[in-house]
Amino acid sequence: EPEMAFADLTSAMDNAENMLKFVVGETLEKCSEDLKFFTSFYDKLLQQRLEKVVTKPFARVSYRQAIEYLQEEIAKDPSKWQFPDVEFGTDLATEHERWLAETKFESCVFVFNYPKSIKAFYMRDNDEDGGETVNAMDLLVPGVGELVGGSQREERLDVLTKKME
């Protein structure tokens, strides 16, 4: 989780995307023999997936929209899901995160604006919806699920004090 003073949620997502693209790009450039080994013996599509991380812009979707996508997909056949009950306020399971990244978006994807009830008190309330959600995000990666989490921190002392009471 990146810690950056005076960063809003968009800055935190931009930073996480740039960091992951840099690290994966350096890996592709400097570790080609290792990647050949892993591609040969572990994952035939590894090189291709890593190149996609570097070249494709990361998708961004609100938590509320992600829940709607999941509800639509789960309704098709709930028996395929270990955790088929998904509604606003549900903490996403790895199967949900991986479906969003691997199937719905086929790329890395940020899910942002999580419900306040499932996130930490020090995350900044989202002014756009009266504080029902907080300015928080998770970066979901195909083949992994959640890789990076982050948020805009609550900087207003009066609001933070009230939350701690």
Protein backbone atom coordinates (compact mmCIF):
# COMPACT_ATOMS: atom_id res chain seq x y z
CA GLU A 1 0.00 0.00 0.00
CA PRO A 2 1.61 3.27 -1.11
CA GLU A 3 1.88 6.05 1.43
CA MET A 4 1.92 9.50 -0.17
CA ALA A 5 1.27 12.79 1.58
CA PHE A 6 -1.38 15.06 0.06
CA ALA A 7 -2.39 12.54 -2.61
CA ASP A 8 -5.96 12.11 -3.74
CA LEU A 9 -7.40 8.81 -4.94
CA THR A 10 -6.64 9.44 -8.61
CA SER A 11 -3.00 10.19 -7.75
CA ALA A 12 -2.79 6.99 -5.70
CA MET A 13 -4.17 4.92 -8.60
CA ASP A 14 -1.88 6.64 -11.12
CA ASN A 15 1.10 5.97 -8.84
CA ALA A 16 0.22 2.29 -8.39
CA GLU A 17 -0.27 1.82 -12.14
CA ASN A 18 3.01 3.54 -13.00
CA MET A 19 4.88 1.56 -10.33
CA LEU A 20 3.58 -1.81 -11.54
CA LYS A 21 4.22 -0.96 -15.20
CA PHE A 22 7.78 0.10 -14.31
CA VAL A 23 8.56 -3.02 -12.26
CA VAL A 24 7.11 -5.40 -14.85
CA GLY A 25 8.83 -3.50 -17.67
CA GLU A 26 12.19 -3.77 -15.90
CA THR A 27 11.57 -7.46 -15.31
CA LEU A 28 10.79 -8.03 -18.99
CA GLU A 29 13.91 -6.12 -20.00
CA LYS A 30 16.41 -7.50 -17.48
CA CYS A 31 15.21 -10.99 -16.62
CA SER A 32 14.51 -12.53 -20.01
CA GLU A 33 16.23 -15.86 -19.22
CA ASP A 34 14.25 -16.28 -16.02
CA LEU A 35 11.04 -15.46 -17.87
CA LYS A 36 11.86 -18.00 -20.59
CA PHE A 37 12.33 -20.63 -17.88
CA PHE A 38 9.01 -19.81 -16.19
CA THR A 39 7.24 -19.64 -19.55
CA SER A 40 8.60 -23.07 -20.52
CA PHE A 41 7.94 -24.90 -17.27
CA TYR A 42 5.27 -22.99 -15.36
CA ASP A 43 3.04 -20.71 -17.40
CA LYS A 44 3.04 -20.70 -21.21
CA LEU A 45 1.27 -17.33 -21.32
CA LEU A 46 3.41 -15.55 -18.71
CA GLN A 47 5.42 -13.40 -21.13
CA GLN A 48 2.25 -12.38 -22.97
CA ARG A 49 0.42 -11.48 -19.73
CA LEU A 50 3.35 -9.42 -18.45
CA GLU A 51 3.64 -7.53 -21.74
CA LYS A 52 -0.07 -6.72 -21.49
CA VAL A 53 0.48 -5.24 -18.02
CA VAL A 54 3.04 -2.84 -19.49
CA THR A 55 1.19 -1.90 -22.69
CA LYS A 56 -2.51 -1.85 -21.81
CA PRO A 57 -4.02 0.97 -19.72
CA PHE A 58 -5.52 -0.30 -16.47
CA ALA A 59 -9.31 -0.28 -16.30
CA ARG A 60 -11.06 1.66 -13.54
CA VAL A 61 -14.49 0.77 -12.18
CA SER A 62 -16.38 1.91 -9.11
CA TYR A 63 -17.12 -0.68 -6.44
CA ARG A 64 -20.84 -0.13 -7.04
CA GLN A 65 -20.47 -0.90 -10.77
CA ALA A 66 -18.25 -3.93 -10.00
CA ILE A 67 -20.99 -5.31 -7.74
CA GLU A 68 -23.53 -4.87 -10.55
CA TYR A 69 -21.27 -6.71 -13.01
CA LEU A 70 -20.78 -9.53 -10.51
CA GLN A 71 -24.51 -9.81 -9.76
CA GLU A 72 -25.28 -10.07 -13.48
CA GLU A 73 -22.65 -12.77 -13.98
CA ILE A 74 -23.52 -14.77 -10.85
CA ALA A 75 -27.23 -14.75 -11.77
CA LYS A 76 -26.39 -16.77 -14.91
CA ASP A 77 -25.27 -19.75 -12.79
CA PRO A 78 -24.82 -19.25 -9.03
CA SER A 79 -23.57 -22.84 -8.63
CA LYS A 80 -20.27 -21.88 -10.29
CA TRP A 81 -19.43 -19.55 -7.41
CA GLN A 82 -18.19 -20.36 -3.93
CA PHE A 83 -19.52 -16.98 -2.72
CA PRO A 84 -22.60 -16.19 -4.84
CA ASP A 85 -24.15 -13.67 -2.43
CA VAL A 86 -22.83 -10.29 -3.56
CA GLU A 87 -24.40 -6.96 -2.68
CA PHE A 88 -23.30 -3.45 -1.83
CA GLY A 89 -21.20 -3.85 1.32
CA THR A 90 -19.80 -7.28 0.43
CA ASP A 91 -16.05 -7.59 0.86
CA LEU A 92 -14.99 -9.05 -2.49
CA ALA A 93 -13.55 -12.58 -2.42
CA THR A 94 -10.59 -13.63 -4.57
CA GLU A 95 -12.96 -15.36 -7.02
CA HIS A 96 -14.79 -12.05 -7.53
CA GLU A 97 -11.57 -10.09 -7.96
CA ARG A 98 -10.12 -12.57 -10.41
CA TRP A 99 -13.32 -12.69 -12.48
CA LEU A 100 -13.27 -8.89 -12.78
CA ALA A 101 -9.61 -8.81 -13.87
CA GLU A 102 -9.45 -12.00 -15.95
CA THR A 103 -12.88 -12.19 -17.56
CA LYS A 104 -14.79 -8.90 -17.37
CA PHE A 105 -11.90 -6.53 -18.15
CA GLU A 106 -9.16 -8.94 -19.32
CA SER A 107 -6.62 -6.57 -17.78
CA CYS A 108 -5.48 -5.02 -14.56
CA VAL A 109 -8.38 -3.11 -13.04
CA PHE A 110 -8.81 -0.66 -10.19
CA VAL A 111 -11.96 -1.02 -8.12
CA PHE A 112 -12.52 2.23 -6.23
CA ASN A 113 -14.93 3.99 -3.85
CA TYR A 114 -15.56 1.11 -1.45
CA PRO A 115 -18.32 1.22 1.17
CA LYS A 116 -17.23 2.98 4.34
CA SER A 117 -18.49 0.03 6.41
CA ILE A 118 -15.81 -2.37 5.11
CA LYS A 119 -12.80 -0.05 5.13
CA ALA A 120 -10.58 1.58 7.75
CA PHE A 121 -11.67 4.70 9.65
CA TYR A 122 -8.71 6.76 8.43
CA MET A 123 -9.80 6.60 4.79
CA ARG A 124 -11.32 9.83 3.50
CA ASP A 125 -15.11 9.87 3.15
CA ASN A 126 -16.27 10.35 -0.42
CA ASP A 127 -17.95 13.75 -0.58
CA GLU A 128 -19.77 12.80 -3.80
CA ASP A 129 -22.13 10.38 -2.03
CA GLY A 130 -22.37 11.92 1.43
CA GLY A 131 -19.79 9.59 2.94
CA GLU A 132 -21.46 6.27 2.06
CA THR A 133 -18.16 5.27 0.44
CA VAL A 134 -14.53 6.11 1.05
CA ASN A 135 -11.81 7.13 -1.41
CA ALA A 136 -10.17 3.71 -1.44
CA MET A 137 -9.02 1.40 -4.21
CA ASP A 138 -7.75 -2.09 -4.88
CA LEU A 139 -5.67 -2.97 -7.91
CA LEU A 140 -6.75 -6.36 -9.26
CA VAL A 141 -4.39 -8.29 -11.53
CA PRO A 142 -5.21 -11.26 -13.77
CA GLY A 143 -3.89 -14.50 -12.30
CA VAL A 144 -3.45 -12.90 -8.88
CA GLY A 145 -6.44 -10.95 -7.61
CA GLU A 146 -5.69 -8.00 -5.34
CA LEU A 147 -2.10 -6.82 -5.62
CA VAL A 148 -2.20 -3.24 -4.29
CA GLY A 149 -4.62 -1.50 -1.97
CA GLY A 150 -4.67 2.17 -1.16
CA SER A 151 -6.71 5.18 -0.27
CA GLN A 152 -6.81 8.89 0.17
CA ARG A 153 -6.22 9.48 3.86
CA GLU A 154 -8.56 11.61 5.92
CA GLU A 155 -6.70 14.89 6.42
CA ARG A 156 -9.48 16.89 8.09
CA LEU A 157 -8.74 16.77 11.81
CA ASP A 158 -12.33 17.41 12.88
CA VAL A 159 -13.67 14.58 10.68
CA LEU A 160 -10.92 12.17 11.77
CA THR A 161 -11.49 12.99 15.47
CA LYS A 162 -15.23 12.42 15.08
CA LYS A 163 -14.60 9.03 13.40
CA MET A 164 -12.42 7.91 16.32
CA GLU A 165 -15.05 8.75 18.96
